[in-house]
Amino acid sequence: MLDLLFVLARTTLAPNNPVLTDAAHDILARAAGLLGFQLANDHQYSQSISPPPSVTEEAFANYIRCLSGAFYSLGGTLYQAGKYGSAIRFLRHGCRAGTVALHLRMSCDAKILENAHEQQKVATSKETEGWGQLRDQLSRRWELLGVCFSKIGDRQVSQSLTFALRCRFRAFHLPQGAYDAFIKCLSSYVFPRTFVELVRTIGPAGAFEVAVSNKQAAVIIDRVTYMASCELLRPPAQVSLKQLITSLSIDGAENLEEDRRCVVGAILERQVDSLSGSLWKSDVQNAVAGILSDCVLTYDLDNRPIRRAGVMLRDLELAYYTGTANGDVQLAKSAEEIEALLSLEVNRLVPPPYQGLFLNDSVTESWTRLCAHASACPT
């Protein structure tokens, strides 16, 4: 029955015919109703969902996955035809269904781990490839939804002032919808293990430039950061993407918590880089200060002293240009902590006869001059 509805919806859709587009949506809505999946105009699925008595949990999760694919396929067709408003309806349901399907799948996998025979059966199933594609592509689906919101928003801005005033609520709602979709995109993005290794070896800036997929993640980070700070005018605490630390997926993670800290730290540093051209705005200055503060907390003293010291250096640079309350004391304390962090790392990595070269010349003298300069004292 579900397959019949999916085929009927696909053959009914006509991007240039709103009536047939609505009919295709109604057909998929009927399929969702058969599965007990509630359609709504938000990005979260808050209702509880469970399979019918006659359907296994594994089969039910797969049905939801197929429903997600059906909505996404038609939404993609509408996007290609330039029907961004109509595409939003389909893509939003497809993304929500995909998220629910993955959660159901994770629940099934947790139960299957208790039975080795069932685990082997699932591993050799034909559906494995489909689940892998959903996991890898869900972030792209959320991204496409955000792009549709953005395109409608750009079109809205191009209208006359009178029309914009009449639709002022809608004009605000569209950037908000795009922002929420892009945040979901980052939350569902699967970072490869190689990205974590690159961050630890060449730093965040280089890691984002190595692979095409990493570059696309950087583009999304730049986009949501600008939207939050310059368009939606969110408070500094809401501009920071530190909250992703509880939801990021890392393929092949050895220590998930530490790897997440590494990736989130790289994301926060990327946010700071993306706002460097807008530091003349007071709101952006406050946002960058908040992001740097979160980044310092993300990089712990024991595992990432060098990266923590580097972020504190950037915080000192920001304080130099913007000014801070009780600046002399704060700068002195920051310089002292940075020197202590670097000293510990030098003591660990450099043989004793050569430690003085690094500590005396490179750290102490440099930070003395920086603090004096920041305090407006000649050197």
Protein backbone atom coordinates (compact mmCIF):
# COMPACT_ATOMS: atom_id res chain seq x y z
CA MET A 1 0.00 0.00 0.00
CA LEU A 2 2.79 2.41 0.89
CA ASP A 3 4.66 1.69 -2.34
CA LEU A 4 1.50 2.38 -4.30
CA LEU A 5 1.03 5.74 -2.57
CA PHE A 6 4.68 6.69 -3.17
CA VAL A 7 4.39 5.91 -6.88
CA LEU A 8 1.05 7.70 -7.15
CA ALA A 9 2.47 10.83 -5.50
CA ARG A 10 5.49 10.84 -7.80
CA THR A 11 3.38 10.51 -10.95
CA THR A 12 0.85 13.09 -9.75
CA LEU A 13 3.34 15.85 -9.01
CA ALA A 14 3.50 18.65 -11.58
CA PRO A 15 5.74 21.51 -10.39
CA ASN A 16 3.95 24.11 -12.52
CA ASN A 17 0.50 23.00 -11.39
CA PRO A 18 -0.27 23.99 -7.77
CA VAL A 19 -3.39 21.81 -7.69
CA LEU A 20 -1.46 18.65 -8.62
CA THR A 21 1.34 19.61 -6.24
CA ASP A 22 -1.16 19.81 -3.40
CA ALA A 23 -2.63 16.49 -4.51
CA ALA A 24 0.80 14.84 -4.39
CA HIS A 25 1.34 16.23 -0.91
CA ASP A 26 -2.03 14.91 0.23
CA ILE A 27 -1.14 11.45 -1.06
CA LEU A 28 2.08 11.39 0.94
CA ALA A 29 0.21 12.79 3.93
CA ARG A 30 -2.09 9.79 3.66
CA ALA A 31 0.94 7.49 3.66
CA ALA A 32 2.23 9.27 6.77
CA GLY A 33 -1.16 8.81 8.42
CA LEU A 34 -1.03 5.07 7.81
CA LEU A 35 2.26 4.99 9.71
CA GLY A 36 1.02 7.23 12.50
CA PHE A 37 3.53 9.94 11.57
CA GLN A 38 2.19 13.41 12.41
CA LEU A 39 2.97 16.14 9.87
CA ALA A 40 3.64 19.61 11.26
CA ASN A 41 5.18 22.92 10.19
CA ASP A 42 8.20 22.86 12.46
CA HIS A 43 11.63 21.23 12.48
CA GLN A 44 11.15 19.12 15.59
CA TYR A 45 9.12 15.93 16.03
CA SER A 46 7.90 16.02 19.62
CA GLN A 47 5.20 13.33 19.45
CA SER A 48 5.88 9.77 20.47
CA ILE A 49 5.71 7.22 17.68
CA SER A 50 5.58 3.43 17.78
CA PRO A 51 4.93 0.67 15.25
CA PRO A 52 1.52 -0.99 14.85
CA PRO A 53 1.15 -4.37 16.62
CA SER A 54 1.59 -6.32 13.38
CA VAL A 55 4.82 -4.53 12.30
CA THR A 56 8.27 -5.13 13.73
CA GLU A 57 10.33 -2.18 14.95
CA GLU A 58 12.95 -2.76 12.24
CA ALA A 59 10.33 -2.77 9.47
CA PHE A 60 8.59 0.28 10.92
CA ALA A 61 11.84 2.25 11.01
CA ASN A 62 12.43 1.30 7.39
CA TYR A 63 8.92 2.48 6.41
CA ILE A 64 9.60 5.88 8.00
CA ARG A 65 12.89 6.01 6.10
CA CYS A 66 11.06 5.36 2.83
CA LEU A 67 8.51 8.05 3.69
CA SER A 68 11.37 10.48 4.27
CA GLY A 69 12.86 9.59 0.89
CA ALA A 70 9.54 10.09 -0.87
CA PHE A 71 9.02 13.57 0.58
CA TYR A 72 12.63 14.52 -0.15
CA SER A 73 12.49 13.27 -3.73
CA LEU A 74 9.45 15.37 -4.58
CA GLY A 75 10.87 18.34 -2.70
CA GLY A 76 14.04 18.08 -4.75
CA THR A 77 11.99 18.04 -7.95
CA LEU A 78 10.19 21.21 -6.90
CA TYR A 79 13.49 22.86 -5.97
CA GLN A 80 14.93 22.10 -9.39
CA ALA A 81 11.85 23.70 -10.94
CA GLY A 82 12.34 26.86 -8.85
CA LYS A 83 9.21 26.26 -6.74
CA TYR A 84 10.93 26.97 -3.44
CA GLY A 85 7.80 27.67 -1.40
CA SER A 86 6.19 24.38 -2.40
CA ALA A 87 9.48 22.54 -1.92
CA ILE A 88 9.66 23.68 1.71
CA ARG A 89 6.56 21.66 2.64
CA PHE A 90 7.95 18.45 1.21
CA LEU A 91 11.53 18.93 2.38
CA ARG A 92 10.54 19.80 5.95
CA HIS A 93 8.46 16.62 6.29
CA GLY A 94 11.22 14.60 4.65
CA CYS A 95 13.88 15.92 7.02
CA ARG A 96 11.73 15.36 10.11
CA ALA A 97 10.86 11.84 8.99
CA GLY A 98 14.52 11.10 8.27
CA THR A 99 15.53 12.25 11.75
CA VAL A 100 12.84 10.09 13.35
CA ALA A 101 13.82 7.11 11.21
CA LEU A 102 17.45 7.33 12.33
CA HIS A 103 16.40 7.51 15.99
CA LEU A 104 14.21 4.45 15.53
CA ARG A 105 17.06 2.67 13.80
CA MET A 106 19.45 3.48 16.66
CA SER A 107 16.93 2.11 19.12
CA CYS A 108 16.64 -1.10 17.11
CA ASP A 109 20.42 -1.45 16.88
CA ALA A 110 20.74 -1.08 20.65
CA LYS A 111 18.34 -3.95 21.16
CA ILE A 112 19.93 -6.08 18.46
CA LEU A 113 23.32 -5.81 20.15
CA GLU A 114 21.94 -8.14 22.80
CA ASN A 115 21.55 -10.88 20.20
CA ALA A 116 24.56 -11.74 18.06
CA HIS A 117 22.51 -13.73 15.51
CA GLU A 118 20.13 -10.84 14.85
CA GLN A 119 23.04 -8.43 14.62
CA GLN A 120 24.61 -10.48 11.84
CA LYS A 121 21.28 -10.64 10.05
CA VAL A 122 20.90 -6.86 10.03
CA ALA A 123 24.50 -6.33 8.93
CA THR A 124 23.92 -8.37 5.76
CA SER A 125 20.52 -6.85 4.93
CA LYS A 126 19.91 -5.05 1.64
CA GLU A 127 18.62 -2.09 3.61
CA THR A 128 22.06 -1.35 5.08
CA GLU A 129 23.05 0.77 2.09
CA GLY A 130 19.83 2.79 2.32
CA TRP A 131 20.41 3.52 5.99
CA GLY A 132 23.97 4.53 5.28
CA GLN A 133 22.82 6.96 2.60
CA LEU A 134 20.24 8.51 4.92
CA ARG A 135 22.82 8.99 7.67
CA ASP A 136 25.29 10.59 5.27
CA GLN A 137 22.77 12.70 3.35
CA LEU A 138 20.42 13.94 6.07
CA SER A 139 22.54 17.04 6.61
CA ARG A 140 22.29 17.84 2.89
CA ARG A 141 18.51 17.55 3.08
CA TRP A 142 18.39 20.04 5.93
CA GLU A 143 20.74 22.29 3.99
CA LEU A 144 18.47 22.22 0.94
CA LEU A 145 15.53 23.18 3.16
CA GLY A 146 17.53 26.12 4.48
CA VAL A 147 18.46 27.16 0.95
CA CYS A 148 14.77 27.21 -0.04
CA PHE A 149 13.94 29.45 2.92
CA SER A 150 16.85 31.73 1.99
CA LYS A 151 15.82 32.00 -1.64
CA ILE A 152 12.30 33.01 -0.69
CA GLY A 153 13.77 35.51 1.76
CA ASP A 154 15.99 37.02 -0.94
CA ARG A 155 12.99 37.31 -3.21
CA GLN A 156 11.03 38.92 -0.39
CA VAL A 157 13.69 41.59 0.09
CA SER A 158 13.55 42.50 -3.57
CA GLN A 159 9.88 43.49 -3.36
CA SER A 160 8.67 47.03 -2.75
CA LEU A 161 8.80 48.59 0.71
CA THR A 162 5.02 48.65 1.00
CA PHE A 163 4.73 44.95 0.29
CA ALA A 164 7.57 44.21 2.71
CA LEU A 165 5.81 46.13 5.47
CA ARG A 166 2.63 44.19 4.88
CA CYS A 167 4.58 40.95 5.13
CA ARG A 168 6.94 42.00 7.92
CA PHE A 169 6.09 38.92 10.00
CA ARG A 170 6.77 36.65 7.07
CA ALA A 171 10.00 38.51 6.27
CA PHE A 172 11.25 37.69 9.78
CA HIS A 173 9.96 34.14 9.71
CA LEU A 174 11.88 33.21 6.56
CA PRO A 175 15.40 33.95 7.89
CA GLN A 176 14.43 32.21 11.14
CA GLY A 177 13.30 29.12 9.20
CA ALA A 178 16.53 29.11 7.20
CA TYR A 179 18.63 29.51 10.35
CA ASP A 180 16.87 26.62 12.13
CA ALA A 181 17.30 24.38 9.09
CA PHE A 182 21.02 25.16 8.81
CA ILE A 183 21.48 24.43 12.52
CA LYS A 184 19.81 21.06 11.96
CA CYS A 185 22.15 20.56 9.02
CA LEU A 186 25.19 20.97 11.27
CA SER A 187 23.66 18.81 14.00
CA SER A 188 23.13 15.92 11.58
CA TYR A 189 26.44 16.33 9.74
CA VAL A 190 28.71 13.30 10.17
CA PHE A 191 32.29 14.47 10.65
CA PRO A 192 34.86 11.91 9.50
CA ARG A 193 37.54 10.74 11.88
CA THR A 194 40.14 12.22 9.53
CA PHE A 195 38.73 15.69 10.23
CA VAL A 196 39.47 15.28 13.94
CA GLU A 197 43.02 14.22 13.13
CA LEU A 198 43.48 17.20 10.80
CA VAL A 199 42.28 19.63 13.45
CA ARG A 200 44.84 18.21 15.88
CA THR A 201 47.69 18.35 13.39
CA ILE A 202 47.21 21.39 11.13
CA GLY A 203 44.58 23.34 13.07
CA PRO A 204 40.94 24.24 12.38
CA ALA A 205 41.58 26.67 9.52
CA GLY A 206 43.50 24.11 7.48
CA ALA A 207 41.20 21.21 8.38
CA PHE A 208 38.17 22.94 6.89
CA GLU A 209 39.99 23.52 3.59
CA VAL A 210 41.25 19.99 2.93
CA ALA A 211 38.12 18.15 1.73
CA VAL A 212 35.10 19.37 -0.22
CA SER A 213 32.69 18.10 2.44
CA ASN A 214 34.61 19.99 5.12
CA LYS A 215 34.52 23.16 3.03
CA GLN A 216 30.74 22.87 2.75
CA ALA A 217 30.43 22.49 6.52
CA ALA A 218 32.53 25.66 6.88
CA VAL A 219 30.18 27.51 4.50
CA ILE A 220 27.18 26.53 6.66
CA ILE A 221 29.01 27.62 9.82
CA ASP A 222 29.79 31.00 8.27
CA ARG A 223 26.20 31.36 7.14
CA VAL A 224 24.48 30.61 10.46
CA THR A 225 27.00 32.76 12.33
CA TYR A 226 26.31 35.79 10.16
CA MET A 227 22.56 35.22 10.25
CA ALA A 228 22.48 34.94 14.05
CA SER A 229 24.68 37.96 14.74
CA CYS A 230 23.82 40.36 11.91
CA GLU A 231 20.34 39.43 10.65
CA LEU A 232 18.42 37.88 13.54
CA LEU A 233 20.39 39.96 16.09
CA ARG A 234 20.54 37.16 18.60
CA PRO A 235 22.29 37.63 21.96
CA PRO A 236 25.92 36.45 22.10
CA ALA A 237 25.07 33.27 23.98
CA GLN A 238 22.80 32.17 21.12
CA VAL A 239 25.30 32.97 18.38
CA SER A 240 27.82 30.46 19.72
CA LEU A 241 27.48 26.91 18.37
CA LYS A 242 28.81 25.33 21.53
CA GLN A 243 25.47 23.53 21.99
CA LEU A 244 26.42 21.19 19.14
CA ILE A 245 28.76 19.39 21.54
CA THR A 246 25.92 17.10 22.63
CA SER A 247 24.64 16.17 19.16
CA LEU A 248 27.59 15.98 16.76
CA SER A 249 28.20 12.68 14.99
CA ILE A 250 31.78 11.57 14.35
CA ASP A 251 32.40 8.53 12.21
CA GLY A 252 34.75 6.06 13.88
CA ALA A 253 35.21 8.15 17.02
CA GLU A 254 37.61 6.58 19.51
CA ASN A 255 36.65 8.86 22.40
CA LEU A 256 33.38 10.52 21.47
CA GLU A 257 33.40 13.17 24.18
CA GLU A 258 36.97 14.31 23.49
CA ASP A 259 36.51 14.16 19.73
CA ARG A 260 33.37 16.26 20.02
CA ARG A 261 35.27 18.85 22.04
CA CYS A 262 37.92 18.95 19.34
CA VAL A 263 35.36 19.46 16.55
CA VAL A 264 33.27 22.00 18.47
CA GLY A 265 36.41 23.97 19.27
CA ALA A 266 37.23 24.05 15.55
CA ILE A 267 33.67 25.20 14.78
CA LEU A 268 33.87 28.01 17.34
CA GLU A 269 37.20 29.19 15.93
CA ARG A 270 35.66 29.14 12.47
CA GLN A 271 32.83 31.33 13.78
CA VAL A 272 35.35 33.87 15.03
CA ASP A 273 37.13 33.88 11.66
CA SER A 274 33.86 34.38 9.79
CA LEU A 275 33.00 37.50 11.83
CA SER A 276 36.43 39.11 11.55
CA GLY A 277 35.25 41.41 8.76
CA SER A 278 32.34 42.74 10.85
CA LEU A 279 34.17 43.54 14.09
CA TRP A 280 33.42 47.21 13.67
CA LYS A 281 29.87 46.42 14.84
CA SER A 282 29.38 46.46 18.60
CA ASP A 283 26.95 43.52 18.47
CA VAL A 284 29.50 41.45 16.57
CA GLN A 285 32.20 42.35 19.08
CA ASN A 286 30.02 41.05 21.90
CA ALA A 287 29.21 37.90 19.92
CA VAL A 288 32.89 37.18 19.21
CA ALA A 289 33.77 37.73 22.86
CA GLY A 290 31.11 35.19 23.85
CA ILE A 291 32.29 32.67 21.25
CA LEU A 292 35.91 33.00 22.42
CA SER A 293 34.81 32.50 26.01
CA ASP A 294 32.99 29.29 25.05
CA CYS A 295 36.01 28.16 23.06
CA VAL A 296 38.33 28.63 26.06
CA LEU A 297 35.98 26.48 28.13
CA THR A 298 35.86 23.84 25.39
CA TYR A 299 39.64 23.48 25.26
CA ASP A 300 40.54 21.97 28.64
CA LEU A 301 43.86 22.58 30.34
CA ASP A 302 45.13 19.01 30.26
CA ASN A 303 44.36 17.87 26.70
CA ARG A 304 44.56 21.08 24.64
CA PRO A 305 46.80 23.65 26.33
CA ILE A 306 48.20 25.00 23.05
CA ARG A 307 44.80 25.55 21.45
CA ARG A 308 43.50 27.09 24.69
CA ALA A 309 46.46 29.47 24.76
CA GLY A 310 45.88 30.36 21.12
CA VAL A 311 42.24 31.23 21.74
CA MET A 312 43.18 33.31 24.77
CA LEU A 313 45.63 35.18 22.54
CA ARG A 314 42.76 35.99 20.18
CA ASP A 315 40.74 37.15 23.17
CA LEU A 316 43.57 39.51 24.09
CA GLU A 317 43.63 40.83 20.53
CA LEU A 318 39.89 41.51 20.69
CA ALA A 319 40.30 43.26 24.04
CA TYR A 320 43.03 45.45 22.55
CA TYR A 321 40.75 46.69 19.77
CA THR A 322 37.49 46.94 21.72
CA GLY A 323 38.61 47.75 25.25
CA THR A 324 37.44 45.98 28.40
CA ALA A 325 36.47 46.93 31.92
CA ASN A 326 39.51 46.75 34.23
CA GLY A 327 41.55 45.96 31.12
CA ASP A 328 45.06 46.13 32.61
CA VAL A 329 44.32 43.51 35.25
CA GLN A 330 42.52 41.22 32.81
CA LEU A 331 45.25 41.42 30.20
CA ALA A 332 47.95 40.72 32.75
CA LYS A 333 46.12 37.68 34.10
CA SER A 334 45.46 36.34 30.61
CA ALA A 335 49.08 36.77 29.57
CA GLU A 336 50.21 35.04 32.74
CA GLU A 337 47.92 32.07 32.15
CA ILE A 338 48.96 31.78 28.51
CA GLU A 339 52.61 31.77 29.50
CA ALA A 340 51.91 29.08 32.10
CA LEU A 341 50.09 26.92 29.55
CA LEU A 342 52.87 27.20 27.01
CA SER A 343 55.51 26.59 29.66
CA LEU A 344 53.88 23.30 30.63
CA GLU A 345 53.77 22.18 27.02
CA VAL A 346 57.36 23.24 26.36
CA ASN A 347 58.51 21.35 29.45
CA ARG A 348 56.75 18.27 28.12
CA LEU A 349 58.03 18.41 24.54
CA VAL A 350 61.40 20.19 24.62
CA PRO A 351 64.59 18.77 26.21
CA PRO A 352 65.69 20.75 29.32
CA PRO A 353 68.81 22.38 27.76
CA TYR A 354 66.66 24.09 25.10
CA GLN A 355 63.58 25.05 27.11
CA GLY A 356 64.90 28.51 27.93
CA LEU A 357 65.06 29.42 24.25
CA PHE A 358 61.32 28.94 23.89
CA LEU A 359 60.20 30.33 27.22
CA ASN A 360 62.33 33.44 27.64
CA ASP A 361 62.52 34.77 24.07
CA SER A 362 59.28 33.60 22.43
CA VAL A 363 56.76 33.85 25.25
CA THR A 364 57.72 36.11 28.11
CA GLU A 365 59.14 38.99 26.06
CA SER A 366 56.32 38.85 23.48
CA TRP A 367 53.56 38.92 26.04
CA THR A 368 55.20 41.70 28.04
CA ARG A 369 55.19 43.89 24.93
CA LEU A 370 51.61 42.91 24.02
CA CYS A 371 50.26 43.76 27.45
CA ALA A 372 52.12 47.08 27.48
CA HIS A 373 50.78 47.94 24.03
CA ALA A 374 47.23 46.96 24.97
CA SER A 375 47.51 49.20 28.03
CA ALA A 376 48.56 52.12 25.79
CA CYS A 377 52.03 52.26 27.33
CA PRO A 378 55.05 52.87 25.09
CA THR A 379 57.71 50.16 24.93
